[in-house]
Amino acid sequence: MLYWTIPINKILVIVVASYMKIVFSNDLLDVTIPIAFKKTLSIMVKRQVIVKMLNALLEKRKHEEIVRCDITRVTEETPSPKSDSYLDLLCTQWKGKDTIILLTINPEFGYVERVYEYALNTYAKPVTYMTPSVVSIVFTDRIVFPYKKRMVTRDVKEDGKEYDFNFSFTFVEMTKMNKDMKTEQWRHWTPLQRWCFFVKNAYRLKAENVDKMFLNLRLGEIFHKGQINYWNTEEQQEYFRDLEKNTEKREMEKWMAEQARSRERGAIVKNMVTYGCTWPFIAKVTGLSDLEITKYCDQDTKLPESELVRSGKLDGPNVEKNIMLTSPDRSFKGNRYKG
């Protein structure tokens, strides 16, 4: 008689991996988690579904539409400390023009300065692209342009007078998304609204609802297959750890939001700073912009994220054009993006 002996730790790994595959096969992932963002969009690149999304986000005209995308690394420079939070794409437009697109989810403060460096390194390399352009698409929960009601702000770019290259930003402020939007009303949405809604609420959606929102794309099937085939055990474990943190964070933010609504905002901001809350968290909970937060704080209060405000670089009515867009490099002094 033969006896098979399997170590206990291997049994546990098999059980955990099987459980994760069951969960992945039945639920859509939370795309706002960096590793899920990169994995999900990578699957969309493999199936070329990402083309539809990019054309919608950039509102491309028919003769300017992107027809193909590939994952690439033009330079060795990392535009974000956490590599899972961004995806670097080389896209080909209908007329053969190449565009480098950097997709990012909830970047850390100072991301725009790193994109400056990224674009400079990109154009300094002897690449074969023909008149390329660098486009940065940022999905963020932060309020970047407090004076603009529209969820998407684009074409914030260099004037091209002092530099021979051209690159632009497209910010998708997910906090400005209409809270009344429901999946049952998808027929009345624009392609842009559908994709933004998907990125923010994928973990709340069922596969059949996703398929209804994006006709003929079979996104539900794509994600189910991708979630099983393109994830290893370590990545799945990392995802569930981040998911647990996100769940706790959302519960805390919900509670703090209720407190913020019932009490004077200025007192809430000061208390949150006293207890060591980060700037992005304060901005998201209170709904305040950079300038408004610093007004509520004392002069001695140290908020690293609001350094630009105290330095005077964000003063004036054009704060929405200047916010976060000043490079630390002296060579960029006085040069701002134009919206």
C-alpha atoms as a PDB file:
ATOM      1  CA  MET A   1       0.000   0.000   0.000  1.00  0.00           C
ATOM      2  CA  LEU A   2       1.296   3.441  -0.919  1.00  0.00           C
ATOM      3  CA  TYR A   3       0.949   6.457   1.332  1.00  0.00           C
ATOM      4  CA  TRP A   4       1.283  10.029   0.039  1.00  0.00           C
ATOM      5  CA  THR A   5       2.623  12.516   2.511  1.00  0.00           C
ATOM      6  CA  ILE A   6       2.025  16.208   1.781  1.00  0.00           C
ATOM      7  CA  PRO A   7       3.476  18.867   4.100  1.00  0.00           C
ATOM      8  CA  ILE A   8       0.900  20.948   5.973  1.00  0.00           C
ATOM      9  CA  ASN A   9       2.274  24.234   4.629  1.00  0.00           C
ATOM     10  CA  LYS A  10       1.777  23.064   1.027  1.00  0.00           C
ATOM     11  CA  ILE A  11      -1.810  22.066   1.803  1.00  0.00           C
ATOM     12  CA  LEU A  12      -2.458  25.546   3.209  1.00  0.00           C
ATOM     13  CA  VAL A  13      -0.962  27.196   0.117  1.00  0.00           C
ATOM     14  CA  ILE A  14      -3.148  25.054  -2.154  1.00  0.00           C
ATOM     15  CA  VAL A  15      -6.272  25.851  -0.106  1.00  0.00           C
ATOM     16  CA  VAL A  16      -5.528  29.605  -0.011  1.00  0.00           C
ATOM     17  CA  ALA A  17      -4.722  29.733  -3.733  1.00  0.00           C
ATOM     18  CA  SER A  18      -7.902  27.811  -4.567  1.00  0.00           C
ATOM     19  CA  TYR A  19      -9.968  30.157  -2.406  1.00  0.00           C
ATOM     20  CA  MET A  20      -8.448  33.223  -4.058  1.00  0.00           C
ATOM     21  CA  LYS A  21      -9.157  31.882  -7.527  1.00  0.00           C
ATOM     22  CA  ILE A  22     -12.773  31.267  -6.520  1.00  0.00           C
ATOM     23  CA  VAL A  23     -13.066  34.839  -5.226  1.00  0.00           C
ATOM     24  CA  PHE A  24     -11.323  36.255  -8.301  1.00  0.00           C
ATOM     25  CA  SER A  25     -13.550  34.273 -10.634  1.00  0.00           C
ATOM     26  CA  ASN A  26     -16.767  35.562  -9.061  1.00  0.00           C
ATOM     27  CA  ASP A  27     -16.007  39.194  -8.281  1.00  0.00           C
ATOM     28  CA  LEU A  28     -14.507  42.118 -10.146  1.00  0.00           C
ATOM     29  CA  LEU A  29     -11.477  43.664  -8.526  1.00  0.00           C
ATOM     30  CA  ASP A  30     -11.122  47.086  -6.943  1.00  0.00           C
ATOM     31  CA  VAL A  31      -9.258  48.903  -9.709  1.00  0.00           C
ATOM     32  CA  THR A  32      -8.331  51.781  -7.383  1.00  0.00           C
ATOM     33  CA  ILE A  33      -5.840  49.446  -5.660  1.00  0.00           C
ATOM     34  CA  PRO A  34      -2.498  49.958  -7.459  1.00  0.00           C
ATOM     35  CA  ILE A  35      -1.673  46.314  -8.204  1.00  0.00           C
ATOM     36  CA  ALA A  36      -5.228  45.670  -9.443  1.00  0.00           C
ATOM     37  CA  PHE A  37      -5.077  48.846 -11.538  1.00  0.00           C
ATOM     38  CA  LYS A  38      -1.926  47.731 -13.322  1.00  0.00           C
ATOM     39  CA  LYS A  39      -3.066  44.115 -13.732  1.00  0.00           C
ATOM     40  CA  THR A  40      -6.540  45.031 -14.980  1.00  0.00           C
ATOM     41  CA  LEU A  41      -5.261  47.555 -17.500  1.00  0.00           C
ATOM     42  CA  SER A  42      -2.551  45.125 -18.620  1.00  0.00           C
ATOM     43  CA  ILE A  43      -5.282  42.599 -19.425  1.00  0.00           C
ATOM     44  CA  MET A  44      -7.114  45.319 -21.358  1.00  0.00           C
ATOM     45  CA  VAL A  45      -3.912  46.008 -23.311  1.00  0.00           C
ATOM     46  CA  LYS A  46      -3.536  42.326 -24.215  1.00  0.00           C
ATOM     47  CA  ARG A  47      -7.074  42.348 -25.633  1.00  0.00           C
ATOM     48  CA  GLN A  48      -6.672  45.888 -27.056  1.00  0.00           C
ATOM     49  CA  VAL A  49      -9.771  46.967 -25.118  1.00  0.00           C
ATOM     50  CA  ILE A  50      -7.657  49.759 -23.654  1.00  0.00           C
ATOM     51  CA  VAL A  51      -7.883  51.537 -27.031  1.00  0.00           C
ATOM     52  CA  LYS A  52     -11.590  52.273 -26.471  1.00  0.00           C
ATOM     53  CA  MET A  53     -10.888  53.607 -23.003  1.00  0.00           C
ATOM     54  CA  LEU A  54      -8.052  55.916 -24.080  1.00  0.00           C
ATOM     55  CA  ASN A  55     -10.003  57.356 -27.013  1.00  0.00           C
ATOM     56  CA  ALA A  56     -12.872  58.118 -24.634  1.00  0.00           C
ATOM     57  CA  LEU A  57     -10.665  59.687 -21.946  1.00  0.00           C
ATOM     58  CA  LEU A  58      -8.789  61.849 -24.442  1.00  0.00           C
ATOM     59  CA  GLU A  59     -11.940  62.514 -26.510  1.00  0.00           C
ATOM     60  CA  LYS A  60     -10.103  61.744 -29.717  1.00  0.00           C
ATOM     61  CA  ARG A  61     -11.655  62.669 -33.041  1.00  0.00           C
ATOM     62  CA  LYS A  62     -12.027  59.953 -35.646  1.00  0.00           C
ATOM     63  CA  HIS A  63      -8.928  60.934 -37.637  1.00  0.00           C
ATOM     64  CA  GLU A  64      -6.890  61.149 -34.394  1.00  0.00           C
ATOM     65  CA  GLU A  65      -8.054  57.922 -32.742  1.00  0.00           C
ATOM     66  CA  ILE A  66      -5.601  55.474 -31.208  1.00  0.00           C
ATOM     67  CA  VAL A  67      -5.632  52.132 -33.022  1.00  0.00           C
ATOM     68  CA  ARG A  68      -3.075  50.093 -31.062  1.00  0.00           C
ATOM     69  CA  CYS A  69      -1.388  50.075 -27.630  1.00  0.00           C
ATOM     70  CA  ASP A  70       1.573  48.155 -26.243  1.00  0.00           C
ATOM     71  CA  ILE A  71       3.160  48.135 -22.801  1.00  0.00           C
ATOM     72  CA  THR A  72       6.617  49.710 -22.953  1.00  0.00           C
ATOM     73  CA  ARG A  73       9.358  51.310 -20.894  1.00  0.00           C
ATOM     74  CA  VAL A  74      10.877  54.202 -22.805  1.00  0.00           C
ATOM     75  CA  THR A  75      13.267  55.178 -20.029  1.00  0.00           C
ATOM     76  CA  GLU A  76      14.532  53.584 -16.843  1.00  0.00           C
ATOM     77  CA  GLU A  77      13.206  56.483 -14.810  1.00  0.00           C
ATOM     78  CA  THR A  78      10.285  55.599 -12.572  1.00  0.00           C
ATOM     79  CA  PRO A  79       7.628  58.354 -12.530  1.00  0.00           C
ATOM     80  CA  SER A  80       6.116  57.041  -9.313  1.00  0.00           C
ATOM     81  CA  PRO A  81       7.733  55.441  -6.238  1.00  0.00           C
ATOM     82  CA  LYS A  82       5.220  52.582  -6.339  1.00  0.00           C
ATOM     83  CA  SER A  83       5.552  50.904  -9.726  1.00  0.00           C
ATOM     84  CA  ASP A  84       2.147  49.213  -9.478  1.00  0.00           C
ATOM     85  CA  SER A  85       0.390  52.587  -9.534  1.00  0.00           C
ATOM     86  CA  TYR A  86       1.256  53.397 -13.151  1.00  0.00           C
ATOM     87  CA  LEU A  87       1.285  51.831 -16.602  1.00  0.00           C
ATOM     88  CA  ASP A  88       3.520  53.018 -19.450  1.00  0.00           C
ATOM     89  CA  LEU A  89       2.024  52.589 -22.943  1.00  0.00           C
ATOM     90  CA  LEU A  90       3.211  53.201 -26.483  1.00  0.00           C
ATOM     91  CA  CYS A  91       0.154  54.013 -28.596  1.00  0.00           C
ATOM     92  CA  THR A  92      -0.166  54.323 -32.367  1.00  0.00           C
ATOM     93  CA  GLN A  93      -2.745  56.689 -33.790  1.00  0.00           C
ATOM     94  CA  TRP A  94      -4.751  56.263 -36.974  1.00  0.00           C
ATOM     95  CA  LYS A  95      -2.273  58.277 -39.060  1.00  0.00           C
ATOM     96  CA  GLY A  96       0.741  56.415 -37.686  1.00  0.00           C
ATOM     97  CA  LYS A  97       1.765  59.004 -35.106  1.00  0.00           C
ATOM     98  CA  ASP A  98       3.154  57.557 -31.875  1.00  0.00           C
ATOM     99  CA  THR A  99       2.016  58.742 -28.458  1.00  0.00           C
ATOM    100  CA  ILE A 100       3.478  57.736 -25.102  1.00  0.00           C
ATOM    101  CA  ILE A 101       0.721  57.521 -22.496  1.00  0.00           C
ATOM    102  CA  LEU A 102       1.372  57.230 -18.772  1.00  0.00           C
ATOM    103  CA  LEU A 103      -1.690  55.942 -16.879  1.00  0.00           C
ATOM    104  CA  THR A 104      -1.684  56.466 -13.111  1.00  0.00           C
ATOM    105  CA  ILE A 105      -4.032  55.798 -10.196  1.00  0.00           C
ATOM    106  CA  ASN A 106      -3.902  57.997  -7.065  1.00  0.00           C
ATOM    107  CA  PRO A 107      -0.291  59.187  -7.430  1.00  0.00           C
ATOM    108  CA  GLU A 108       1.671  60.492  -4.478  1.00  0.00           C
ATOM    109  CA  PHE A 109       2.320  64.198  -4.038  1.00  0.00           C
ATOM    110  CA  GLY A 110       4.990  65.533  -6.392  1.00  0.00           C
ATOM    111  CA  TYR A 111       3.942  63.261  -9.238  1.00  0.00           C
ATOM    112  CA  VAL A 112       3.765  66.124 -11.747  1.00  0.00           C
ATOM    113  CA  GLU A 113       7.407  67.031 -11.141  1.00  0.00           C
ATOM    114  CA  ARG A 114       8.381  63.423 -11.823  1.00  0.00           C
ATOM    115  CA  VAL A 115       6.424  63.520 -15.089  1.00  0.00           C
ATOM    116  CA  TYR A 116       8.491  66.578 -16.066  1.00  0.00           C
ATOM    117  CA  GLU A 117      11.640  64.503 -15.588  1.00  0.00           C
ATOM    118  CA  TYR A 118      10.074  61.505 -17.300  1.00  0.00           C
ATOM    119  CA  ALA A 119       9.233  63.557 -20.394  1.00  0.00           C
ATOM    120  CA  LEU A 120      12.702  65.104 -20.489  1.00  0.00           C
ATOM    121  CA  ASN A 121      14.361  61.682 -20.274  1.00  0.00           C
ATOM    122  CA  THR A 122      12.005  60.339 -22.924  1.00  0.00           C
ATOM    123  CA  TYR A 123      12.889  62.993 -25.468  1.00  0.00           C
ATOM    124  CA  ALA A 124      16.591  62.922 -24.607  1.00  0.00           C
ATOM    125  CA  LYS A 125      16.835  59.269 -25.634  1.00  0.00           C
ATOM    126  CA  PRO A 126      17.555  58.435 -29.301  1.00  0.00           C
ATOM    127  CA  VAL A 127      14.180  56.841 -29.979  1.00  0.00           C
ATOM    128  CA  THR A 128      12.704  56.184 -33.394  1.00  0.00           C
ATOM    129  CA  TYR A 129       9.285  57.690 -32.737  1.00  0.00           C
ATOM    130  CA  MET A 130       8.168  60.272 -35.242  1.00  0.00           C
ATOM    131  CA  THR A 131       7.141  63.559 -33.580  1.00  0.00           C
ATOM    132  CA  PRO A 132       5.952  61.794 -30.416  1.00  0.00           C
ATOM    133  CA  SER A 133       4.014  63.332 -27.569  1.00  0.00           C
ATOM    134  CA  VAL A 134       3.832  62.342 -23.907  1.00  0.00           C
ATOM    135  CA  VAL A 135       0.367  62.244 -22.347  1.00  0.00           C
ATOM    136  CA  SER A 136      -0.188  61.664 -18.636  1.00  0.00           C
ATOM    137  CA  ILE A 137      -3.642  60.419 -17.570  1.00  0.00           C
ATOM    138  CA  VAL A 138      -4.164  60.571 -13.811  1.00  0.00           C
ATOM    139  CA  PHE A 139      -7.106  59.045 -11.921  1.00  0.00           C
ATOM    140  CA  THR A 140      -7.215  60.667  -8.508  1.00  0.00           C
ATOM    141  CA  ASP A 141      -9.441  60.956  -5.437  1.00  0.00           C
ATOM    142  CA  ARG A 142      -7.867  64.308  -4.642  1.00  0.00           C
ATOM    143  CA  ILE A 143      -9.327  67.685  -5.567  1.00  0.00           C
ATOM    144  CA  VAL A 144      -6.818  69.120  -8.030  1.00  0.00           C
ATOM    145  CA  PHE A 145      -8.869  71.898  -9.631  1.00  0.00           C
ATOM    146  CA  PRO A 146     -11.317  73.217  -6.996  1.00  0.00           C
ATOM    147  CA  TYR A 147     -12.731  75.917  -9.294  1.00  0.00           C
ATOM    148  CA  LYS A 148     -13.687  73.536 -12.086  1.00  0.00           C
ATOM    149  CA  LYS A 149     -16.882  71.503 -11.903  1.00  0.00           C
ATOM    150  CA  ARG A 150     -16.013  69.146 -14.751  1.00  0.00           C
ATOM    151  CA  MET A 151     -14.624  65.783 -13.706  1.00  0.00           C
ATOM    152  CA  VAL A 152     -11.972  65.667 -16.466  1.00  0.00           C
ATOM    153  CA  THR A 153      -9.438  68.453 -17.013  1.00  0.00           C
ATOM    154  CA  ARG A 154      -7.100  68.083 -19.980  1.00  0.00           C
ATOM    155  CA  ASP A 155      -4.681  69.962 -22.215  1.00  0.00           C
ATOM    156  CA  VAL A 156      -2.732  71.430 -19.326  1.00  0.00           C
ATOM    157  CA  LYS A 157       0.491  71.527 -21.323  1.00  0.00           C
ATOM    158  CA  GLU A 158       3.741  73.311 -22.044  1.00  0.00           C
ATOM    159  CA  ASP A 159       3.482  76.266 -24.427  1.00  0.00           C
ATOM    160  CA  GLY A 160       6.259  74.826 -26.611  1.00  0.00           C
ATOM    161  CA  LYS A 161       8.124  78.129 -26.959  1.00  0.00           C
ATOM    162  CA  GLU A 162      11.175  77.152 -24.921  1.00  0.00           C
ATOM    163  CA  TYR A 163      11.105  73.382 -25.368  1.00  0.00           C
ATOM    164  CA  ASP A 164      11.057  71.295 -28.526  1.00  0.00           C
ATOM    165  CA  PHE A 165       8.733  68.686 -27.058  1.00  0.00           C
ATOM    166  CA  ASN A 166       5.081  68.627 -26.142  1.00  0.00           C
ATOM    167  CA  PHE A 167       3.391  66.778 -23.317  1.00  0.00           C
ATOM    168  CA  SER A 168       0.060  67.163 -21.576  1.00  0.00           C
ATOM    169  CA  PHE A 169      -1.889  66.112 -18.514  1.00  0.00           C
ATOM    170  CA  THR A 170      -5.396  64.744 -18.255  1.00  0.00           C
ATOM    171  CA  PHE A 171      -6.703  64.679 -14.683  1.00  0.00           C
ATOM    172  CA  VAL A 172      -9.767  62.577 -13.819  1.00  0.00           C
ATOM    173  CA  GLU A 173     -11.018  63.783 -10.428  1.00  0.00           C
ATOM    174  CA  MET A 174     -13.154  60.856  -9.314  1.00  0.00           C
ATOM    175  CA  THR A 175     -14.509  62.765  -6.309  1.00  0.00           C
ATOM    176  CA  LYS A 176     -16.431  64.994  -8.747  1.00  0.00           C
ATOM    177  CA  MET A 177     -18.289  62.069 -10.274  1.00  0.00           C
ATOM    178  CA  ASN A 178     -22.054  62.436 -10.109  1.00  0.00           C
ATOM    179  CA  LYS A 179     -23.179  60.392  -7.098  1.00  0.00           C
ATOM    180  CA  ASP A 180     -26.622  59.870  -8.650  1.00  0.00           C
ATOM    181  CA  MET A 181     -25.179  57.819 -11.507  1.00  0.00           C
ATOM    182  CA  LYS A 182     -26.611  54.290 -11.460  1.00  0.00           C
ATOM    183  CA  THR A 183     -25.834  51.321 -13.669  1.00  0.00           C
ATOM    184  CA  GLU A 184     -29.482  51.151 -14.738  1.00  0.00           C
ATOM    185  CA  GLN A 185     -29.102  54.537 -16.439  1.00  0.00           C
ATOM    186  CA  TRP A 186     -26.011  53.626 -18.487  1.00  0.00           C
ATOM    187  CA  ARG A 187     -27.829  54.262 -21.788  1.00  0.00           C
ATOM    188  CA  HIS A 188     -27.700  57.988 -21.119  1.00  0.00           C
ATOM    189  CA  TRP A 189     -23.986  58.080 -20.315  1.00  0.00           C
ATOM    190  CA  THR A 190     -21.164  59.177 -22.566  1.00  0.00           C
ATOM    191  CA  PRO A 191     -18.256  56.740 -23.164  1.00  0.00           C
ATOM    192  CA  LEU A 192     -16.127  58.973 -20.937  1.00  0.00           C
ATOM    193  CA  GLN A 193     -18.594  58.695 -18.045  1.00  0.00           C
ATOM    194  CA  ARG A 194     -18.795  54.915 -18.421  1.00  0.00           C
ATOM    195  CA  TRP A 195     -15.051  54.360 -18.225  1.00  0.00           C
ATOM    196  CA  CYS A 196     -14.602  56.737 -15.293  1.00  0.00           C
ATOM    197  CA  PHE A 197     -17.493  55.057 -13.482  1.00  0.00           C
ATOM    198  CA  PHE A 198     -15.914  51.657 -14.127  1.00  0.00           C
ATOM    199  CA  VAL A 199     -12.501  52.627 -12.728  1.00  0.00           C
ATOM    200  CA  LYS A 200     -14.013  54.040  -9.550  1.00  0.00           C
ATOM    201  CA  ASN A 201     -16.740  51.438  -8.932  1.00  0.00           C
ATOM    202  CA  ALA A 202     -15.551  48.198 -10.556  1.00  0.00           C
ATOM    203  CA  TYR A 203     -15.587  46.353  -7.217  1.00  0.00           C
ATOM    204  CA  ARG A 204     -19.286  47.185  -6.799  1.00  0.00           C
ATOM    205  CA  LEU A 205     -20.349  46.015 -10.249  1.00  0.00           C
ATOM    206  CA  LYS A 206     -21.491  42.638 -11.489  1.00  0.00           C
ATOM    207  CA  ALA A 207     -20.027  41.219 -14.676  1.00  0.00           C
ATOM    208  CA  GLU A 208     -23.359  41.336 -16.488  1.00  0.00           C
ATOM    209  CA  ASN A 209     -23.782  45.039 -15.685  1.00  0.00           C
ATOM    210  CA  VAL A 210     -20.301  45.759 -17.005  1.00  0.00           C
ATOM    211  CA  ASP A 211     -21.138  43.935 -20.229  1.00  0.00           C
ATOM    212  CA  LYS A 212     -24.290  46.038 -20.584  1.00  0.00           C
ATOM    213  CA  MET A 213     -22.360  49.268 -20.084  1.00  0.00           C
ATOM    214  CA  PHE A 214     -19.752  48.327 -22.693  1.00  0.00           C
ATOM    215  CA  LEU A 215     -21.580  46.599 -25.512  1.00  0.00           C
ATOM    216  CA  ASN A 216     -19.682  44.073 -27.656  1.00  0.00           C
ATOM    217  CA  LEU A 217     -16.508  44.357 -25.544  1.00  0.00           C
ATOM    218  CA  ARG A 218     -17.213  41.303 -23.317  1.00  0.00           C
ATOM    219  CA  LEU A 219     -15.386  42.927 -20.427  1.00  0.00           C
ATOM    220  CA  GLY A 220     -16.873  40.567 -17.857  1.00  0.00           C
ATOM    221  CA  GLU A 221     -15.398  37.540 -19.620  1.00  0.00           C
ATOM    222  CA  ILE A 222     -12.073  39.303 -20.143  1.00  0.00           C
ATOM    223  CA  PHE A 223     -11.671  40.203 -16.492  1.00  0.00           C
ATOM    224  CA  HIS A 224     -12.767  36.807 -15.195  1.00  0.00           C
ATOM    225  CA  LYS A 225     -10.215  35.013 -17.369  1.00  0.00           C
ATOM    226  CA  GLY A 226      -7.532  37.564 -16.645  1.00  0.00           C
ATOM    227  CA  GLN A 227      -8.080  37.518 -12.910  1.00  0.00           C
ATOM    228  CA  ILE A 228      -7.474  33.775 -12.870  1.00  0.00           C
ATOM    229  CA  ASN A 229      -4.654  33.466 -15.406  1.00  0.00           C
ATOM    230  CA  TYR A 230      -2.518  36.578 -14.872  1.00  0.00           C
ATOM    231  CA  TRP A 231      -2.177  36.593 -11.072  1.00  0.00           C
ATOM    232  CA  ASN A 232       0.245  34.526  -9.013  1.00  0.00           C
ATOM    233  CA  THR A 233      -0.292  33.698  -5.346  1.00  0.00           C
ATOM    234  CA  GLU A 234       1.958  36.473  -4.002  1.00  0.00           C
ATOM    235  CA  GLU A 235       0.176  39.108  -6.078  1.00  0.00           C
ATOM    236  CA  GLN A 236      -3.200  37.844  -4.925  1.00  0.00           C
ATOM    237  CA  GLN A 237      -2.100  38.009  -1.295  1.00  0.00           C
ATOM    238  CA  GLU A 238      -0.838  41.558  -1.812  1.00  0.00           C
ATOM    239  CA  TYR A 239      -4.159  42.517  -3.389  1.00  0.00           C
ATOM    240  CA  PHE A 240      -6.210  41.167  -0.475  1.00  0.00           C
ATOM    241  CA  ARG A 241      -3.961  42.928   2.046  1.00  0.00           C
ATOM    242  CA  ASP A 242      -4.436  46.235   0.219  1.00  0.00           C
ATOM    243  CA  LEU A 243      -8.160  45.516  -0.140  1.00  0.00           C
ATOM    244  CA  GLU A 244      -8.484  45.080   3.622  1.00  0.00           C
ATOM    245  CA  LYS A 245      -6.635  48.352   4.174  1.00  0.00           C
ATOM    246  CA  ASN A 246      -8.888  50.095   1.650  1.00  0.00           C
ATOM    247  CA  THR A 247     -12.009  48.748   3.351  1.00  0.00           C
ATOM    248  CA  GLU A 248     -10.853  50.004   6.749  1.00  0.00           C
ATOM    249  CA  LYS A 249      -9.872  53.318   5.173  1.00  0.00           C
ATOM    250  CA  ARG A 250     -13.303  53.750   3.550  1.00  0.00           C
ATOM    251  CA  GLU A 251     -15.062  53.014   6.838  1.00  0.00           C
ATOM    252  CA  MET A 252     -12.884  55.550   8.644  1.00  0.00           C
ATOM    253  CA  GLU A 253     -13.405  58.126   5.901  1.00  0.00           C
ATOM    254  CA  LYS A 254     -17.167  57.599   6.046  1.00  0.00           C
ATOM    255  CA  TRP A 255     -17.174  58.181   9.793  1.00  0.00           C
ATOM    256  CA  MET A 256     -14.941  61.233   9.485  1.00  0.00           C
ATOM    257  CA  ALA A 257     -17.134  62.611   6.700  1.00  0.00           C
ATOM    258  CA  GLU A 258     -20.167  62.416   8.978  1.00  0.00           C
ATOM    259  CA  GLN A 259     -18.210  64.245  11.669  1.00  0.00           C
ATOM    260  CA  ALA A 260     -17.092  66.871   9.162  1.00  0.00           C
ATOM    261  CA  ARG A 261     -20.672  67.541   8.089  1.00  0.00           C
ATOM    262  CA  SER A 262     -21.900  67.953  11.653  1.00  0.00           C
ATOM    263  CA  ARG A 263     -19.106  70.199  12.888  1.00  0.00           C
ATOM    264  CA  GLU A 264     -17.323  73.319  11.721  1.00  0.00           C
ATOM    265  CA  ARG A 265     -14.840  72.412   9.002  1.00  0.00           C
ATOM    266  CA  GLY A 266     -12.028  74.526  10.345  1.00  0.00           C
ATOM    267  CA  ALA A 267     -12.045  72.744  13.692  1.00  0.00           C
ATOM    268  CA  ILE A 268     -12.129  69.379  11.929  1.00  0.00           C
ATOM    269  CA  VAL A 269      -9.077  70.251   9.818  1.00  0.00           C
ATOM    270  CA  LYS A 270      -7.069  71.385  12.853  1.00  0.00           C
ATOM    271  CA  ASN A 271      -7.993  68.259  14.802  1.00  0.00           C
ATOM    272  CA  MET A 272      -7.073  66.002  11.891  1.00  0.00           C
ATOM    273  CA  VAL A 273      -3.696  67.736  11.520  1.00  0.00           C
ATOM    274  CA  THR A 274      -3.096  67.395  15.266  1.00  0.00           C
ATOM    275  CA  TYR A 275      -3.722  63.650  15.072  1.00  0.00           C
ATOM    276  CA  GLY A 276      -1.309  63.294  12.154  1.00  0.00           C
ATOM    277  CA  CYS A 277      -3.768  62.775   9.293  1.00  0.00           C
ATOM    278  CA  THR A 278      -2.197  63.128   5.863  1.00  0.00           C
ATOM    279  CA  TRP A 279      -3.088  65.920   3.429  1.00  0.00           C
ATOM    280  CA  PRO A 280      -4.792  63.662   0.830  1.00  0.00           C
ATOM    281  CA  PHE A 281      -6.957  62.150   3.579  1.00  0.00           C
ATOM    282  CA  ILE A 282      -7.955  65.590   4.915  1.00  0.00           C
ATOM    283  CA  ALA A 283      -8.771  66.824   1.401  1.00  0.00           C
ATOM    284  CA  LYS A 284     -10.897  63.790   0.593  1.00  0.00           C
ATOM    285  CA  VAL A 285     -12.839  63.786   3.877  1.00  0.00           C
ATOM    286  CA  THR A 286     -13.557  67.521   4.051  1.00  0.00           C
ATOM    287  CA  GLY A 287     -13.807  68.212   0.323  1.00  0.00           C
ATOM    288  CA  LEU A 288     -11.466  71.188   0.726  1.00  0.00           C
ATOM    289  CA  SER A 289      -8.782  72.290  -1.717  1.00  0.00           C
ATOM    290  CA  ASP A 290      -5.082  73.012  -1.000  1.00  0.00           C
ATOM    291  CA  LEU A 291      -5.660  76.701  -0.346  1.00  0.00           C
ATOM    292  CA  GLU A 292      -8.717  76.159   1.856  1.00  0.00           C
ATOM    293  CA  ILE A 293      -6.908  73.636   4.058  1.00  0.00           C
ATOM    294  CA  THR A 294      -3.961  75.966   4.643  1.00  0.00           C
ATOM    295  CA  LYS A 295      -6.336  78.809   5.561  1.00  0.00           C
ATOM    296  CA  TYR A 296      -7.782  76.694   8.361  1.00  0.00           C
ATOM    297  CA  CYS A 297      -4.319  75.736   9.671  1.00  0.00           C
ATOM    298  CA  ASP A 298      -2.039  77.861  11.820  1.00  0.00           C
ATOM    299  CA  GLN A 299       1.119  79.260  10.290  1.00  0.00           C
ATOM    300  CA  ASP A 300       3.241  76.913  12.402  1.00  0.00           C
ATOM    301  CA  THR A 301       1.338  73.849  11.186  1.00  0.00           C
ATOM    302  CA  LYS A 302       3.543  71.740   8.933  1.00  0.00           C
ATOM    303  CA  LEU A 303       1.767  70.292   5.944  1.00  0.00           C
ATOM    304  CA  PRO A 304       4.357  69.087   3.405  1.00  0.00           C
ATOM    305  CA  GLU A 305       1.706  68.801   0.726  1.00  0.00           C
ATOM    306  CA  SER A 306       0.844  72.497   1.035  1.00  0.00           C
ATOM    307  CA  GLU A 307       4.402  73.797   0.720  1.00  0.00           C
ATOM    308  CA  LEU A 308       3.632  75.292  -2.693  1.00  0.00           C
ATOM    309  CA  VAL A 309       0.829  77.363  -1.197  1.00  0.00           C
ATOM    310  CA  ARG A 310       2.952  78.830   1.597  1.00  0.00           C
ATOM    311  CA  SER A 311       5.764  79.626  -0.835  1.00  0.00           C
ATOM    312  CA  GLY A 312       3.399  81.859  -2.791  1.00  0.00           C
ATOM    313  CA  LYS A 313       3.591  79.842  -5.993  1.00  0.00           C
ATOM    314  CA  LEU A 314      -0.125  79.126  -5.970  1.00  0.00           C
ATOM    315  CA  ASP A 315      -1.457  82.610  -5.163  1.00  0.00           C
ATOM    316  CA  GLY A 316      -3.952  84.367  -7.393  1.00  0.00           C
ATOM    317  CA  PRO A 317      -7.116  83.499  -9.304  1.00  0.00           C
ATOM    318  CA  ASN A 318      -5.285  81.093 -11.638  1.00  0.00           C
ATOM    319  CA  VAL A 319      -4.553  78.578  -8.899  1.00  0.00           C
ATOM    320  CA  GLU A 320      -6.294  75.823 -10.869  1.00  0.00           C
ATOM    321  CA  LYS A 321      -3.717  76.268 -13.637  1.00  0.00           C
ATOM    322  CA  ASN A 322      -0.722  76.321 -11.316  1.00  0.00           C
ATOM    323  CA  ILE A 323      -1.573  73.853  -8.585  1.00  0.00           C
ATOM    324  CA  MET A 324       0.914  71.009  -8.352  1.00  0.00           C
ATOM    325  CA  LEU A 325       2.415  71.992 -11.707  1.00  0.00           C
ATOM    326  CA  THR A 326       5.603  73.777 -10.676  1.00  0.00           C
ATOM    327  CA  SER A 327       8.820  71.847 -11.244  1.00  0.00           C
ATOM    328  CA  PRO A 328      11.501  71.862  -8.510  1.00  0.00           C
ATOM    329  CA  ASP A 329      14.135  72.245 -11.226  1.00  0.00           C
ATOM    330  CA  ARG A 330      15.451  75.819 -11.449  1.00  0.00           C
ATOM    331  CA  SER A 331      15.393  75.639 -15.241  1.00  0.00           C
ATOM    332  CA  PHE A 332      11.608  75.521 -15.126  1.00  0.00           C
ATOM    333  CA  LYS A 333      11.253  78.613 -12.945  1.00  0.00           C
ATOM    334  CA  GLY A 334       8.610  80.919 -14.280  1.00  0.00           C
ATOM    335  CA  ASN A 335       7.287  78.386 -16.764  1.00  0.00           C
ATOM    336  CA  ARG A 336       3.822  77.119 -16.051  1.00  0.00           C
ATOM    337  CA  TYR A 337       1.392  74.924 -17.872  1.00  0.00           C
ATOM    338  CA  LYS A 338      -1.440  76.652 -19.628  1.00  0.00           C
ATOM    339  CA  GLY A 339      -4.922  75.202 -19.298  1.00  0.00           C
END
